[in-house]
Every structure is written in structure tokens, then in C-alpha cells.
Amino acid sequence: MTVNVYEQFFAAECVANGIIRHGALVMLIATSENKTVRYDAAVTFFPHIDETDFAVSYDAYYEDVLYEAPGRRSQKREELLLETLREDVDVLAKRANAVIFWDRPLRPARRG
């Protein structure tokens, strides 16, 4: 089972596959299977042509495993991972030569 523990849209700047991207969807993803839990930091950059455009494309998607071990989801672990999520996602953005404007959220955060 996979669930987005956290997701939020932010303004961003990125060029991927020749397309200028102005938005980023930032996620903390939990995957539980075979008595193992994994948490991934992920970001996908999308065009966000105007304030109503939230058509997320996954051709500019980056992720990194933050934690993987036997066990199950833990609220305490999730809170700890959320504390450093921005730094973790900034590393992903750097790989894409992108920047996320954390002070310019496009929508409120959603927790799952």
C-alpha cells in the first residue's frame, strides 16, 4: 500500500525536456509491503501555466529513499521525516537544476 503522507504544491523554476516548469508538487510517500515500510521524498515539476493549471506531469519526477526497514508506518517517524523534508527535496531539486520557492505555496498542504 502506498500513501502520500504529505503533499503540497509550491511555485518553482525548472526546465525539463525543453519545457519551462513553474510549479512543484512536493511529497513524502510511505510504502508498506511484505512487513516493510519505506519513506520516499519526491518532487515533480510541472508547467503551471496559470493559477488554475495543476496538471501534474511526471516527466520531471525525482525521488530518494529516506528510510526503509522492517516494520510499519509510525507517526513519530513521519513527523521526524517531515522536519527535514524541505532539505531533502532541495537536494532533489538541485539534481534537476531547479529551485522551489518554499515561501510561495500554491495550495495548502494535505496530509494522508
PDB file of N, CA and C in Angstrom:
ATOM      1  N   MET A   1       0.842  -1.169   0.000  1.00  0.00           N
ATOM      2  CA  MET A   1       0.000   0.000   0.000  1.00  0.00           C
ATOM      3  C   MET A   1       0.895   1.242   0.000  1.00  0.00           C
ATOM      4  N   THR A   2       0.567   2.176  -0.847  1.00  0.00           N
ATOM      5  CA  THR A   2       1.312   3.431  -0.950  1.00  0.00           C
ATOM      6  C   THR A   2       0.378   4.592  -0.641  1.00  0.00           C
ATOM      7  N   VAL A   3       0.876   5.517   0.175  1.00  0.00           N
ATOM      8  CA  VAL A   3       0.081   6.685   0.544  1.00  0.00           C
ATOM      9  C   VAL A   3       1.002   7.907   0.607  1.00  0.00           C
ATOM     10  N   ASN A   4       0.465   9.041   0.153  1.00  0.00           N
ATOM     11  CA  ASN A   4       1.180  10.305   0.304  1.00  0.00           C
ATOM     12  C   ASN A   4       0.924  10.809   1.718  1.00  0.00           C
ATOM     13  N   VAL A   5       1.928  10.724   2.558  1.00  0.00           N
ATOM     14  CA  VAL A   5       1.832  11.188   3.936  1.00  0.00           C
ATOM     15  C   VAL A   5       1.646  12.699   3.940  1.00  0.00           C
ATOM     16  N   TYR A   6       2.331  13.353   3.006  1.00  0.00           N
ATOM     17  CA  TYR A   6       2.286  14.810   2.892  1.00  0.00           C
ATOM     18  C   TYR A   6       2.428  15.153   1.415  1.00  0.00           C
ATOM     19  N   GLU A   7       1.686  16.168   0.982  1.00  0.00           N
ATOM     20  CA  GLU A   7       1.891  16.712  -0.355  1.00  0.00           C
ATOM     21  C   GLU A   7       1.464  18.170  -0.356  1.00  0.00           C
ATOM     22  N   GLN A   8       2.224  18.957  -1.111  1.00  0.00           N
ATOM     23  CA  GLN A   8       1.895  20.370  -1.237  1.00  0.00           C
ATOM     24  C   GLN A   8       2.494  20.906  -2.533  1.00  0.00           C
ATOM     25  N   PHE A   9       1.758  21.823  -3.143  1.00  0.00           N
ATOM     26  CA  PHE A   9       2.199  22.490  -4.365  1.00  0.00           C
ATOM     27  C   PHE A   9       2.899  23.798  -4.004  1.00  0.00           C
ATOM     28  N   PHE A  10       4.011  24.061  -4.690  1.00  0.00           N
ATOM     29  CA  PHE A  10       4.769  25.290  -4.492  1.00  0.00           C
ATOM     30  C   PHE A  10       5.133  25.886  -5.841  1.00  0.00           C
ATOM     31  N   ALA A  11       5.357  27.192  -5.854  1.00  0.00           N
ATOM     32  CA  ALA A  11       5.933  27.826  -7.033  1.00  0.00           C
ATOM     33  C   ALA A  11       7.366  27.320  -7.159  1.00  0.00           C
ATOM     34  N   ALA A  12       7.821  27.195  -8.404  1.00  0.00           N
ATOM     35  CA  ALA A  12       9.166  26.681  -8.647  1.00  0.00           C
ATOM     36  C   ALA A  12       9.649  27.169 -10.003  1.00  0.00           C
ATOM     37  N   GLU A  13      10.928  26.967 -10.259  1.00  0.00           N
ATOM     38  CA  GLU A  13      11.501  27.245 -11.572  1.00  0.00           C
ATOM     39  C   GLU A  13      12.348  26.055 -11.970  1.00  0.00           C
ATOM     40  N   CYS A  14      12.054  25.519 -13.149  1.00  0.00           N
ATOM     41  CA  CYS A  14      12.772  24.354 -13.647  1.00  0.00           C
ATOM     42  C   CYS A  14      12.548  24.271 -15.156  1.00  0.00           C
ATOM     43  N   VAL A  15      13.550  23.812 -15.873  1.00  0.00           N
ATOM     44  CA  VAL A  15      13.383  23.482 -17.284  1.00  0.00           C
ATOM     45  C   VAL A  15      13.694  22.005 -17.415  1.00  0.00           C
ATOM     46  N   ALA A  16      12.720  21.246 -17.895  1.00  0.00           N
ATOM     47  CA  ALA A  16      12.893  19.807 -18.069  1.00  0.00           C
ATOM     48  C   ALA A  16      12.312  19.411 -19.420  1.00  0.00           C
ATOM     49  N   ASN A  17      13.069  18.656 -20.167  1.00  0.00           N
ATOM     50  CA  ASN A  17      12.653  18.218 -21.502  1.00  0.00           C
ATOM     51  C   ASN A  17      12.249  19.394 -22.382  1.00  0.00           C
ATOM     52  N   GLY A  18      12.959  20.499 -22.217  1.00  0.00           N
ATOM     53  CA  GLY A  18      12.703  21.677 -23.030  1.00  0.00           C
ATOM     54  C   GLY A  18      11.466  22.470 -22.647  1.00  0.00           C
ATOM     55  N   ILE A  19      10.834  22.110 -21.533  1.00  0.00           N
ATOM     56  CA  ILE A  19       9.605  22.777 -21.087  1.00  0.00           C
ATOM     57  C   ILE A  19       9.875  23.519 -19.784  1.00  0.00           C
ATOM     58  N   ILE A  20       9.489  24.792 -19.738  1.00  0.00           N
ATOM     59  CA  ILE A  20       9.646  25.584 -18.520  1.00  0.00           C
ATOM     60  C   ILE A  20       8.570  25.173 -17.525  1.00  0.00           C
ATOM     61  N   ARG A  21       8.999  24.902 -16.305  1.00  0.00           N
ATOM     62  CA  ARG A  21       8.078  24.493 -15.234  1.00  0.00           C
ATOM     63  C   ARG A  21       8.043  25.599 -14.186  1.00  0.00           C
ATOM     64  N   HIS A  22       6.817  25.932 -13.737  1.00  0.00           N
ATOM     65  CA  HIS A  22       6.644  26.980 -12.733  1.00  0.00           C
ATOM     66  C   HIS A  22       6.041  26.449 -11.438  1.00  0.00           C
ATOM     67  N   GLY A  23       5.810  25.147 -11.375  1.00  0.00           N
ATOM     68  CA  GLY A  23       5.213  24.556 -10.180  1.00  0.00           C
ATOM     69  C   GLY A  23       5.930  23.285  -9.786  1.00  0.00           C
ATOM     70  N   ALA A  24       5.823  22.948  -8.505  1.00  0.00           N
ATOM     71  CA  ALA A  24       6.394  21.711  -7.982  1.00  0.00           C
ATOM     72  C   ALA A  24       5.397  21.087  -7.014  1.00  0.00           C
ATOM     73  N   LEU A  25       5.219  19.790  -7.144  1.00  0.00           N
ATOM     74  CA  LEU A  25       4.440  19.022  -6.182  1.00  0.00           C
ATOM     75  C   LEU A  25       5.437  18.270  -5.319  1.00  0.00           C
ATOM     76  N   VAL A  26       5.476  18.602  -4.031  1.00  0.00           N
ATOM     77  CA  VAL A  26       6.409  18.008  -3.076  1.00  0.00           C
ATOM     78  C   VAL A  26       5.653  16.959  -2.269  1.00  0.00           C
ATOM     79  N   MET A  27       6.278  15.779  -2.107  1.00  0.00           N
ATOM     80  CA  MET A  27       5.588  14.677  -1.432  1.00  0.00           C
ATOM     81  C   MET A  27       6.509  13.925  -0.478  1.00  0.00           C
ATOM     82  N   LEU A  28       5.923  13.420   0.600  1.00  0.00           N
ATOM     83  CA  LEU A  28       6.532  12.392   1.430  1.00  0.00           C
ATOM     84  C   LEU A  28       5.641  11.178   1.237  1.00  0.00           C
ATOM     85  N   ILE A  29       6.212  10.114   0.687  1.00  0.00           N
ATOM     86  CA  ILE A  29       5.438   8.938   0.298  1.00  0.00           C
ATOM     87  C   ILE A  29       5.817   7.761   1.191  1.00  0.00           C
ATOM     88  N   ALA A  30       4.811   7.076   1.735  1.00  0.00           N
ATOM     89  CA  ALA A  30       5.037   5.876   2.544  1.00  0.00           C
ATOM     90  C   ALA A  30       4.546   4.663   1.753  1.00  0.00           C
ATOM     91  N   THR A  31       5.381   3.638   1.704  1.00  0.00           N
ATOM     92  CA  THR A  31       5.008   2.390   1.039  1.00  0.00           C
ATOM     93  C   THR A  31       5.188   1.256   2.038  1.00  0.00           C
ATOM     94  N   SER A  32       4.113   0.514   2.265  1.00  0.00           N
ATOM     95  CA  SER A  32       4.156  -0.636   3.169  1.00  0.00           C
ATOM     96  C   SER A  32       3.840  -1.891   2.377  1.00  0.00           C
ATOM     97  N   GLU A  33       4.781  -2.838   2.409  1.00  0.00           N
ATOM     98  CA  GLU A  33       4.529  -4.130   1.766  1.00  0.00           C
ATOM     99  C   GLU A  33       5.480  -5.168   2.346  1.00  0.00           C
ATOM    100  N   ASN A  34       4.995  -6.390   2.428  1.00  0.00           N
ATOM    101  CA  ASN A  34       5.795  -7.508   2.940  1.00  0.00           C
ATOM    102  C   ASN A  34       6.460  -7.194   4.280  1.00  0.00           C
ATOM    103  N   LYS A  35       5.694  -6.573   5.186  1.00  0.00           N
ATOM    104  CA  LYS A  35       6.146  -6.239   6.540  1.00  0.00           C
ATOM    105  C   LYS A  35       7.348  -5.288   6.548  1.00  0.00           C
ATOM    106  N   THR A  36       7.444  -4.480   5.500  1.00  0.00           N
ATOM    107  CA  THR A  36       8.499  -3.481   5.400  1.00  0.00           C
ATOM    108  C   THR A  36       7.867  -2.135   5.092  1.00  0.00           C
ATOM    109  N   VAL A  37       8.449  -1.075   5.630  1.00  0.00           N
ATOM    110  CA  VAL A  37       7.967   0.275   5.344  1.00  0.00           C
ATOM    111  C   VAL A  37       9.114   1.064   4.715  1.00  0.00           C
ATOM    112  N   ARG A  38       8.746   1.854   3.722  1.00  0.00           N
ATOM    113  CA  ARG A  38       9.725   2.721   3.066  1.00  0.00           C
ATOM    114  C   ARG A  38       9.123   4.111   2.948  1.00  0.00           C
ATOM    115  N   TYR A  39       9.950   5.121   3.198  1.00  0.00           N
ATOM    116  CA  TYR A  39       9.538   6.513   3.023  1.00  0.00           C
ATOM    117  C   TYR A  39      10.421   7.143   1.955  1.00  0.00           C
ATOM    118  N   ASP A  40       9.784   7.808   1.000  1.00  0.00           N
ATOM    119  CA  ASP A  40      10.495   8.486  -0.073  1.00  0.00           C
ATOM    120  C   ASP A  40      10.160   9.969  -0.049  1.00  0.00           C
ATOM    121  N   ALA A  41      11.173  10.789  -0.278  1.00  0.00           N
ATOM    122  CA  ALA A  41      10.959  12.213  -0.575  1.00  0.00           C
ATOM    123  C   ALA A  41      10.836  12.273  -2.091  1.00  0.00           C
ATOM    124  N   ALA A  42       9.868  13.035  -2.596  1.00  0.00           N
ATOM    125  CA  ALA A  42       9.676  13.120  -4.038  1.00  0.00           C
ATOM    126  C   ALA A  42       9.220  14.517  -4.430  1.00  0.00           C
ATOM    127  N   VAL A  43       9.572  14.882  -5.649  1.00  0.00           N
ATOM    128  CA  VAL A  43       9.117  16.154  -6.219  1.00  0.00           C
ATOM    129  C   VAL A  43       8.935  15.950  -7.712  1.00  0.00           C
ATOM    130  N   THR A  44       7.877  16.528  -8.227  1.00  0.00           N
ATOM    131  CA  THR A  44       7.688  16.566  -9.669  1.00  0.00           C
ATOM    132  C   THR A  44       7.422  18.015 -10.062  1.00  0.00           C
ATOM    133  N   PHE A  45       8.099  18.433 -11.107  1.00  0.00           N
ATOM    134  CA  PHE A  45       7.966  19.804 -11.599  1.00  0.00           C
ATOM    135  C   PHE A  45       6.991  19.793 -12.778  1.00  0.00           C
ATOM    136  N   PHE A  46       6.067  20.745 -12.793  1.00  0.00           N
ATOM    137  CA  PHE A  46       5.039  20.781 -13.828  1.00  0.00           C
ATOM    138  C   PHE A  46       4.877  22.209 -14.337  1.00  0.00           C
ATOM    139  N   PRO A  47       4.289  22.382 -15.535  1.00  0.00           N
ATOM    140  CA  PRO A  47       4.259  23.700 -16.174  1.00  0.00           C
ATOM    141  C   PRO A  47       3.587  24.810 -15.370  1.00  0.00           C
ATOM    142  N   HIS A  48       2.446  24.580 -14.770  1.00  0.00           N
ATOM    143  CA  HIS A  48       1.699  25.597 -14.014  1.00  0.00           C
ATOM    144  C   HIS A  48       1.648  26.916 -14.801  1.00  0.00           C
ATOM    145  N   ILE A  49       1.008  26.840 -15.948  1.00  0.00           N
ATOM    146  CA  ILE A  49       0.931  27.960 -16.893  1.00  0.00           C
ATOM    147  C   ILE A  49       0.151  29.145 -16.319  1.00  0.00           C
ATOM    148  N   ASP A  50      -0.898  28.855 -15.556  1.00  0.00           N
ATOM    149  CA  ASP A  50      -1.660  29.919 -14.893  1.00  0.00           C
ATOM    150  C   ASP A  50      -2.107  29.412 -13.532  1.00  0.00           C
ATOM    151  N   GLU A  51      -2.778  30.255 -12.776  1.00  0.00           N
ATOM    152  CA  GLU A  51      -3.126  29.901 -11.393  1.00  0.00           C
ATOM    153  C   GLU A  51      -4.116  28.748 -11.265  1.00  0.00           C
ATOM    154  N   THR A  52      -4.739  28.330 -12.365  1.00  0.00           N
ATOM    155  CA  THR A  52      -5.669  27.199 -12.313  1.00  0.00           C
ATOM    156  C   THR A  52      -5.055  25.918 -12.864  1.00  0.00           C
ATOM    157  N   ASP A  53      -3.830  26.004 -13.395  1.00  0.00           N
ATOM    158  CA  ASP A  53      -3.189  24.845 -14.037  1.00  0.00           C
ATOM    159  C   ASP A  53      -2.415  24.014 -13.021  1.00  0.00           C
ATOM    160  N   PHE A  54      -3.019  22.894 -12.628  1.00  0.00           N
ATOM    161  CA  PHE A  54      -2.373  21.955 -11.728  1.00  0.00           C
ATOM    162  C   PHE A  54      -2.239  20.591 -12.394  1.00  0.00           C
ATOM    163  N   ALA A  55      -2.118  20.590 -13.721  1.00  0.00           N
ATOM    164  CA  ALA A  55      -1.931  19.344 -14.466  1.00  0.00           C
ATOM    165  C   ALA A  55      -0.500  18.872 -14.234  1.00  0.00           C
ATOM    166  N   VAL A  56      -0.348  17.902 -13.355  1.00  0.00           N
ATOM    167  CA  VAL A  56       0.973  17.427 -12.966  1.00  0.00           C
ATOM    168  C   VAL A  56       1.484  16.453 -14.012  1.00  0.00           C
ATOM    169  N   SER A  57       2.675  16.731 -14.497  1.00  0.00           N
ATOM    170  CA  SER A  57       3.344  15.817 -15.420  1.00  0.00           C
ATOM    171  C   SER A  57       4.438  15.097 -14.642  1.00  0.00           C
ATOM    172  N   TYR A  58       4.693  13.867 -14.986  1.00  0.00           N
ATOM    173  CA  TYR A  58       5.679  13.084 -14.242  1.00  0.00           C
ATOM    174  C   TYR A  58       6.945  12.839 -15.047  1.00  0.00           C
ATOM    175  N   ASP A  59       7.194  13.668 -16.054  1.00  0.00           N
ATOM    176  CA  ASP A  59       8.434  13.522 -16.807  1.00  0.00           C
ATOM    177  C   ASP A  59       9.592  14.276 -16.154  1.00  0.00           C
ATOM    178  N   ALA A  60       9.315  15.032 -15.124  1.00  0.00           N
ATOM    179  CA  ALA A  60      10.349  15.737 -14.358  1.00  0.00           C
ATOM    180  C   ALA A  60      10.167  15.359 -12.887  1.00  0.00           C
ATOM    181  N   TYR A  61      10.272  14.053 -12.616  1.00  0.00           N
ATOM    182  CA  TYR A  61       9.999  13.474 -11.299  1.00  0.00           C
ATOM    183  C   TYR A  61      11.312  12.986 -10.689  1.00  0.00           C
ATOM    184  N   TYR A  62      11.512  13.335  -9.425  1.00  0.00           N
ATOM    185  CA  TYR A  62      12.727  12.950  -8.722  1.00  0.00           C
ATOM    186  C   TYR A  62      12.341  12.436  -7.340  1.00  0.00           C
ATOM    187  N   GLU A  63      13.008  11.358  -6.913  1.00  0.00           N
ATOM    188  CA  GLU A  63      12.717  10.823  -5.584  1.00  0.00           C
ATOM    189  C   GLU A  63      13.967  10.220  -4.975  1.00  0.00           C
ATOM    190  N   ASP A  64      13.925  10.087  -3.659  1.00  0.00           N
ATOM    191  CA  ASP A  64      15.031   9.498  -2.929  1.00  0.00           C
ATOM    192  C   ASP A  64      14.455   8.764  -1.720  1.00  0.00           C
ATOM    193  N   VAL A  65      15.003   7.589  -1.424  1.00  0.00           N
ATOM    194  CA  VAL A  65      14.569   6.818  -0.261  1.00  0.00           C
ATOM    195  C   VAL A  65      15.170   7.459   0.983  1.00  0.00           C
ATOM    196  N   LEU A  66      14.303   7.790   1.941  1.00  0.00           N
ATOM    197  CA  LEU A  66      14.744   8.389   3.197  1.00  0.00           C
ATOM    198  C   LEU A  66      14.897   7.357   4.306  1.00  0.00           C
ATOM    199  N   TYR A  67      14.056   6.319   4.244  1.00  0.00           N
ATOM    200  CA  TYR A  67      14.034   5.317   5.304  1.00  0.00           C
ATOM    201  C   TYR A  67      13.435   4.046   4.742  1.00  0.00           C
ATOM    202  N   GLU A  68      14.037   2.912   5.072  1.00  0.00           N
ATOM    203  CA  GLU A  68      13.472   1.612   4.686  1.00  0.00           C
ATOM    204  C   GLU A  68      13.919   0.573   5.699  1.00  0.00           C
ATOM    205  N   ALA A  69      12.945  -0.129   6.291  1.00  0.00           N
ATOM    206  CA  ALA A  69      13.251  -1.128   7.317  1.00  0.00           C
ATOM    207  C   ALA A  69      12.019  -1.996   7.559  1.00  0.00           C
ATOM    208  N   PRO A  70      12.224  -3.146   8.181  1.00  0.00           N
ATOM    209  CA  PRO A  70      11.062  -3.940   8.586  1.00  0.00           C
ATOM    210  C   PRO A  70      10.209  -3.141   9.569  1.00  0.00           C
ATOM    211  N   GLY A  71       8.922  -3.300   9.486  1.00  0.00           N
ATOM    212  CA  GLY A  71       8.032  -2.603  10.407  1.00  0.00           C
ATOM    213  C   GLY A  71       6.835  -2.025   9.694  1.00  0.00           C
ATOM    214  N   ARG A  72       6.227  -1.059  10.349  1.00  0.00           N
ATOM    215  CA  ARG A  72       5.029  -0.417   9.810  1.00  0.00           C
ATOM    216  C   ARG A  72       5.161   1.091   9.937  1.00  0.00           C
ATOM    217  N   ARG A  73       4.185   1.782   9.390  1.00  0.00           N
ATOM    218  CA  ARG A  73       4.187   3.245   9.478  1.00  0.00           C
ATOM    219  C   ARG A  73       4.177   3.688  10.932  1.00  0.00           C
ATOM    220  N   SER A  74       4.840   4.816  11.173  1.00  0.00           N
ATOM    221  CA  SER A  74       4.918   5.376  12.508  1.00  0.00           C
ATOM    222  C   SER A  74       4.712   6.881  12.423  1.00  0.00           C
ATOM    223  N   GLN A  75       3.757   7.376  13.192  1.00  0.00           N
ATOM    224  CA  GLN A  75       3.505   8.819  13.210  1.00  0.00           C
ATOM    225  C   GLN A  75       4.735   9.588  13.682  1.00  0.00           C
ATOM    226  N   LYS A  76       5.415   9.052  14.667  1.00  0.00           N
ATOM    227  CA  LYS A  76       6.606   9.710  15.207  1.00  0.00           C
ATOM    228  C   LYS A  76       7.688   9.794  14.122  1.00  0.00           C
ATOM    229  N   ARG A  77       7.923   8.706  13.409  1.00  0.00           N
ATOM    230  CA  ARG A  77       8.910   8.696  12.334  1.00  0.00           C
ATOM    231  C   ARG A  77       8.518   9.670  11.230  1.00  0.00           C
ATOM    232  N   GLU A  78       7.230   9.699  10.887  1.00  0.00           N
ATOM    233  CA  GLU A  78       6.755  10.602   9.845  1.00  0.00           C
ATOM    234  C   GLU A  78       6.984  12.061  10.231  1.00  0.00           C
ATOM    235  N   GLU A  79       6.738  12.402  11.475  1.00  0.00           N
ATOM    236  CA  GLU A  79       6.969  13.773  11.925  1.00  0.00           C
ATOM    237  C   GLU A  79       8.450  14.134  11.829  1.00  0.00           C
ATOM    238  N   LEU A  80       9.325  13.187  12.181  1.00  0.00           N
ATOM    239  CA  LEU A  80      10.763  13.439  12.072  1.00  0.00           C
ATOM    240  C   LEU A  80      11.184  13.631  10.613  1.00  0.00           C
ATOM    241  N   LEU A  81      10.643  12.826   9.734  1.00  0.00           N
ATOM    242  CA  LEU A  81      10.967  12.954   8.308  1.00  0.00           C
ATOM    243  C   LEU A  81      10.434  14.266   7.736  1.00  0.00           C
ATOM    244  N   LEU A  82       9.280  14.682   8.195  1.00  0.00           N
ATOM    245  CA  LEU A  82       8.716  15.956   7.726  1.00  0.00           C
ATOM    246  C   LEU A  82       9.567  17.152   8.159  1.00  0.00           C
ATOM    247  N   GLU A  83      10.243  17.023   9.293  1.00  0.00           N
ATOM    248  CA  GLU A  83      11.088  18.116   9.777  1.00  0.00           C
ATOM    249  C   GLU A  83      12.232  18.429   8.816  1.00  0.00           C
ATOM    250  N   THR A  84      12.701  17.421   8.088  1.00  0.00           N
ATOM    251  CA  THR A  84      13.838  17.622   7.175  1.00  0.00           C
ATOM    252  C   THR A  84      13.437  17.480   5.704  1.00  0.00           C
ATOM    253  N   LEU A  85      12.149  17.377   5.443  1.00  0.00           N
ATOM    254  CA  LEU A  85      11.699  17.137   4.068  1.00  0.00           C
ATOM    255  C   LEU A  85      12.141  18.236   3.107  1.00  0.00           C
ATOM    256  N   ARG A  86      12.045  19.472   3.514  1.00  0.00           N
ATOM    257  CA  ARG A  86      12.444  20.568   2.615  1.00  0.00           C
ATOM    258  C   ARG A  86      13.907  20.445   2.214  1.00  0.00           C
ATOM    259  N   GLU A  87      14.771  20.140   3.172  1.00  0.00           N
ATOM    260  CA  GLU A  87      16.191  19.974   2.853  1.00  0.00           C
ATOM    261  C   GLU A  87      16.396  18.788   1.912  1.00  0.00           C
ATOM    262  N   ASP A  88      15.687  17.694   2.169  1.00  0.00           N
ATOM    263  CA  ASP A  88      15.798  16.508   1.313  1.00  0.00           C
ATOM    264  C   ASP A  88      15.321  16.804  -0.108  1.00  0.00           C
ATOM    265  N   VAL A  89      14.230  17.537  -0.218  1.00  0.00           N
ATOM    266  CA  VAL A  89      13.692  17.861  -1.539  1.00  0.00           C
ATOM    267  C   VAL A  89      14.568  18.898  -2.243  1.00  0.00           C
ATOM    268  N   ASP A  90      15.193  19.779  -1.495  1.00  0.00           N
ATOM    269  CA  ASP A  90      16.126  20.727  -2.115  1.00  0.00           C
ATOM    270  C   ASP A  90      17.286  19.993  -2.797  1.00  0.00           C
ATOM    271  N   VAL A  91      17.731  18.881  -2.220  1.00  0.00           N
ATOM    272  CA  VAL A  91      18.769  18.066  -2.853  1.00  0.00           C
ATOM    273  C   VAL A  91      18.255  17.515  -4.187  1.00  0.00           C
ATOM    274  N   LEU A  92      17.014  17.058  -4.197  1.00  0.00           N
ATOM    275  CA  LEU A  92      16.413  16.559  -5.441  1.00  0.00           C
ATOM    276  C   LEU A  92      16.288  17.680  -6.468  1.00  0.00           C
ATOM    277  N   ALA A  93      15.873  18.847  -6.020  1.00  0.00           N
ATOM    278  CA  ALA A  93      15.717  19.989  -6.927  1.00  0.00           C
ATOM    279  C   ALA A  93      17.067  20.377  -7.528  1.00  0.00           C
ATOM    280  N   LYS A  94      18.103  20.294  -6.726  1.00  0.00           N
ATOM    281  CA  LYS A  94      19.435  20.636  -7.219  1.00  0.00           C
ATOM    282  C   LYS A  94      19.836  19.698  -8.365  1.00  0.00           C
ATOM    283  N   ARG A  95      19.466  18.410  -8.257  1.00  0.00           N
ATOM    284  CA  ARG A  95      19.747  17.449  -9.335  1.00  0.00           C
ATOM    285  C   ARG A  95      19.087  17.878 -10.640  1.00  0.00           C
ATOM    286  N   ALA A  96      17.945  18.548 -10.516  1.00  0.00           N
ATOM    287  CA  ALA A  96      17.172  18.977 -11.689  1.00  0.00           C
ATOM    288  C   ALA A  96      17.520  20.402 -12.119  1.00  0.00           C
ATOM    289  N   ASN A  97      18.523  21.001 -11.463  1.00  0.00           N
ATOM    290  CA  ASN A  97      18.845  22.411 -11.717  1.00  0.00           C
ATOM    291  C   ASN A  97      17.606  23.274 -11.540  1.00  0.00           C
ATOM    292  N   ALA A  98      16.876  22.994 -10.474  1.00  0.00           N
ATOM    293  CA  ALA A  98      15.601  23.667 -10.206  1.00  0.00           C
ATOM    294  C   ALA A  98      15.648  24.321  -8.830  1.00  0.00           C
ATOM    295  N   VAL A  99      14.687  25.180  -8.611  1.00  0.00           N
ATOM    296  CA  VAL A  99      14.529  25.800  -7.295  1.00  0.00           C
ATOM    297  C   VAL A  99      13.049  25.783  -6.932  1.00  0.00           C
ATOM    298  N   ILE A 100      12.789  25.494  -5.665  1.00  0.00           N
ATOM    299  CA  ILE A 100      11.421  25.507  -5.143  1.00  0.00           C
ATOM    300  C   ILE A 100      11.300  26.728  -4.241  1.00  0.00           C
ATOM    301  N   PHE A 101      10.255  27.496  -4.439  1.00  0.00           N
ATOM    302  CA  PHE A 101      10.020  28.691  -3.626  1.00  0.00           C
ATOM    303  C   PHE A 101       9.108  28.306  -2.460  1.00  0.00           C
ATOM    304  N   TRP A 102       9.745  27.892  -1.370  1.00  0.00           N
ATOM    305  CA  TRP A 102       9.020  27.392  -0.204  1.00  0.00           C
ATOM    306  C   TRP A 102       8.097  28.438   0.402  1.00  0.00           C
ATOM    307  N   ASP A 103       8.401  29.703   0.212  1.00  0.00           N
ATOM    308  CA  ASP A 103       7.590  30.773   0.769  1.00  0.00           C
ATOM    309  C   ASP A 103       6.416  31.139  -0.143  1.00  0.00           C
ATOM    310  N   ARG A 104       6.235  30.363  -1.252  1.00  0.00           N
ATOM    311  CA  ARG A 104       5.135  30.634  -2.186  1.00  0.00           C
ATOM    312  C   ARG A 104       4.321  29.362  -2.450  1.00  0.00           C
ATOM    313  N   PRO A 105       3.612  28.866  -1.416  1.00  0.00           N
ATOM    314  CA  PRO A 105       2.770  27.700  -1.653  1.00  0.00           C
ATOM    315  C   PRO A 105       1.628  28.054  -2.610  1.00  0.00           C
ATOM    316  N   LEU A 106       1.284  27.106  -3.460  1.00  0.00           N
ATOM    317  CA  LEU A 106       0.189  27.310  -4.414  1.00  0.00           C
ATOM    318  C   LEU A 106      -1.132  26.771  -3.883  1.00  0.00           C
ATOM    319  N   ARG A 107      -1.062  25.884  -2.936  1.00  0.00           N
ATOM    320  CA  ARG A 107      -2.235  25.308  -2.269  1.00  0.00           C
ATOM    321  C   ARG A 107      -1.830  24.895  -0.855  1.00  0.00           C
ATOM    322  N   PRO A 108      -2.797  24.767   0.035  1.00  0.00           N
ATOM    323  CA  PRO A 108      -2.466  24.290   1.383  1.00  0.00           C
ATOM    324  C   PRO A 108      -1.952  22.844   1.342  1.00  0.00           C
ATOM    325  N   ALA A 109      -1.171  22.492   2.335  1.00  0.00           N
ATOM    326  CA  ALA A 109      -0.654  21.127   2.444  1.00  0.00           C
ATOM    327  C   ALA A 109      -1.781  20.149   2.712  1.00  0.00           C
ATOM    328  N   ARG A 110      -1.591  18.933   2.207  1.00  0.00           N
ATOM    329  CA  ARG A 110      -2.520  17.832   2.506  1.00  0.00           C
ATOM    330  C   ARG A 110      -1.754  16.715   3.169  1.00  0.00           C
ATOM    331  N   ARG A 111      -2.346  16.155   4.221  1.00  0.00           N
ATOM    332  CA  ARG A 111      -1.729  15.043   4.940  1.00  0.00           C
ATOM    333  C   ARG A 111      -2.604  13.813   4.756  1.00  0.00           C
ATOM    334  N   GLY A 112      -1.941  12.667   4.576  1.00  0.00           N
ATOM    335  CA  GLY A 112      -2.689  11.429   4.352  1.00  0.00           C
ATOM    336  C   GLY A 112      -2.413  10.366   5.352  1.00  0.00           C
TER     337      GLY A 112
END
